[in-house]
Protein backbone atom coordinates (compact mmCIF):
# COMPACT_ATOMS: atom_id res chain seq x y z
CA LEU A 1 4.00 1.95 17.73
CA SER A 2 7.45 1.87 16.82
CA PRO A 3 8.41 1.77 13.08
CA ALA A 4 9.32 -1.92 13.27
CA GLU A 5 6.12 -2.85 15.24
CA VAL A 6 4.20 -0.68 12.38
CA VAL A 7 5.68 -3.07 9.75
CA ALA A 8 5.04 -6.04 11.75
CA VAL A 9 1.47 -5.16 12.02
CA HIS A 10 1.03 -4.26 8.44
CA SER A 11 2.51 -7.38 7.34
CA GLU A 12 0.63 -9.92 9.69
CA ARG A 13 -2.63 -9.30 7.66
CA VAL A 14 -3.96 -10.61 4.28
CA TYR A 15 -5.90 -7.66 2.37
CA GLU A 16 -8.41 -7.66 -0.19
CA VAL A 17 -8.79 -5.34 -3.06
CA ALA A 18 -12.00 -3.18 -2.43
CA ALA A 19 -11.48 -0.95 -5.15
CA VAL A 20 -9.22 0.19 -7.93
CA GLY A 21 -8.88 3.97 -8.78
CA PHE A 22 -7.36 7.14 -8.23
CA LEU A 23 -4.28 6.35 -10.21
CA PRO A 24 -4.40 3.29 -13.04
CA GLY A 25 -3.45 0.41 -10.74
CA PHE A 26 -3.76 1.91 -7.26
CA ALA A 27 -5.79 -0.76 -5.42
CA TYR A 28 -7.79 0.22 -2.15
CA LEU A 29 -6.67 -2.77 0.06
CA ARG A 30 -9.09 -3.39 2.92
CA ALA A 31 -8.57 -5.28 6.13
CA LEU A 32 -5.82 -2.88 7.90
CA ASP A 33 -5.34 -3.40 11.55
CA PRO A 34 -7.45 -0.92 13.55
CA ARG A 35 -4.06 0.16 15.36
CA LEU A 36 -2.84 1.46 11.95
CA VAL A 37 -6.21 3.46 10.91
CA LEU A 38 -5.24 7.03 10.51
CA PRO A 39 -6.95 10.07 8.63
CA ARG A 40 -5.52 11.23 5.59
CA ARG A 41 -2.68 13.76 6.18
CA ALA A 42 -4.08 17.42 6.68
CA SER A 43 -1.73 18.68 3.86
CA PRO A 44 -0.93 16.22 0.96
CA ARG A 45 2.50 15.75 -0.34
CA THR A 46 2.98 17.34 -3.73
CA ARG A 47 5.15 14.14 -4.91
CA VAL A 48 5.09 10.43 -3.48
CA THR A 49 7.40 8.24 -5.04
CA ALA A 50 6.37 5.24 -7.18
CA LEU A 51 5.90 2.00 -5.10
CA SER A 52 5.27 3.86 -1.85
CA VAL A 53 3.41 1.60 0.57
CA ALA A 54 0.94 3.72 2.41
CA ILE A 55 -2.06 3.67 4.71
CA ALA A 56 -5.08 6.06 5.14
CA GLY A 57 -8.47 5.36 6.96
CA PRO A 58 -9.00 1.80 6.76
CA TYR A 59 -7.05 1.11 3.64
CA THR A 60 -3.52 0.45 2.66
CA GLY A 61 -2.08 0.64 -0.88
CA VAL A 62 1.01 0.97 -3.13
CA TYR A 63 1.22 3.98 -5.05
CA PRO A 64 1.64 2.53 -8.76
CA PHE A 65 3.54 5.98 -10.14
CA ALA A 66 5.14 9.13 -8.64
CA SER A 67 2.04 11.45 -7.67
CA PRO A 68 0.61 13.76 -5.33
CA GLY A 69 -0.64 11.98 -2.23
CA GLY A 70 -2.18 12.43 1.32
CA TRP A 71 -1.66 8.83 2.62
CA HIS A 72 0.88 8.01 5.47
CA LEU A 73 3.88 6.43 4.11
CA LEU A 74 5.24 3.11 5.32
CA GLY A 75 7.95 1.98 2.98
CA THR A 76 8.75 0.83 -0.60
CA ALA A 77 7.12 -2.28 -2.30
CA VAL A 78 9.87 -4.14 -3.81
CA GLY A 79 9.57 -6.61 -6.75
CA PHE A 80 5.95 -5.46 -7.40
CA ALA A 81 4.63 -3.83 -10.48
CA PRO A 82 1.00 -2.63 -9.86
CA PHE A 83 0.36 -1.31 -13.41
CA ASP A 84 1.93 -2.29 -16.75
CA ALA A 85 0.87 -0.06 -19.77
CA ARG A 86 0.31 -3.05 -21.85
CA ALA A 87 -1.32 -5.28 -19.30
CA GLY A 88 -3.14 -2.72 -17.25
CA ALA A 89 -3.66 -2.97 -13.55
CA ALA A 90 -2.02 -5.90 -11.79
CA MET A 91 -4.95 -6.27 -9.21
CA SER A 92 -8.75 -6.72 -9.60
CA LEU A 93 -11.43 -6.59 -7.11
CA GLY A 94 -11.46 -9.32 -4.64
CA ASP A 95 -7.83 -10.27 -5.20
CA ARG A 96 -5.88 -10.86 -2.00
CA VAL A 97 -2.35 -9.16 -1.17
CA ARG A 98 0.28 -10.02 1.49
CA PHE A 99 3.01 -7.63 2.38
CA VAL A 100 6.22 -9.39 3.49
CA ALA A 101 8.95 -7.26 5.38
CA GLU A 102 12.16 -7.07 3.28
CA SER A 103 14.09 -8.88 6.08
CA ALA A 104 11.51 -11.51 6.39
CA ALA A 105 11.64 -12.03 2.63
CA ALA A 106 15.62 -12.14 2.71
CA THR A 107 15.42 -15.12 5.15
CA SER A 108 12.46 -17.24 3.60
């Protein structure tokens, strides 16, 4: 798939929080389109930028902080705070999440 097709396929789905862990506020979102399922990277990155949107296995997620990571990066979440030091994680088990491509968000 082209980068534009990956973004389109990724933003077609509504995801459900299946688990929260790895980092505070990191939600494992299930319902990834089978065309986007990839294994984790063979060599994890030493640093992934905070708010990076990523995929690995059957999940997608948003890195709440800069950290090491072995998922494939798709882009950056804009206007989203997955974790607040005072409030905790923004997402809980069963919550539903939908990603909107920035160009689509600008026109709506």
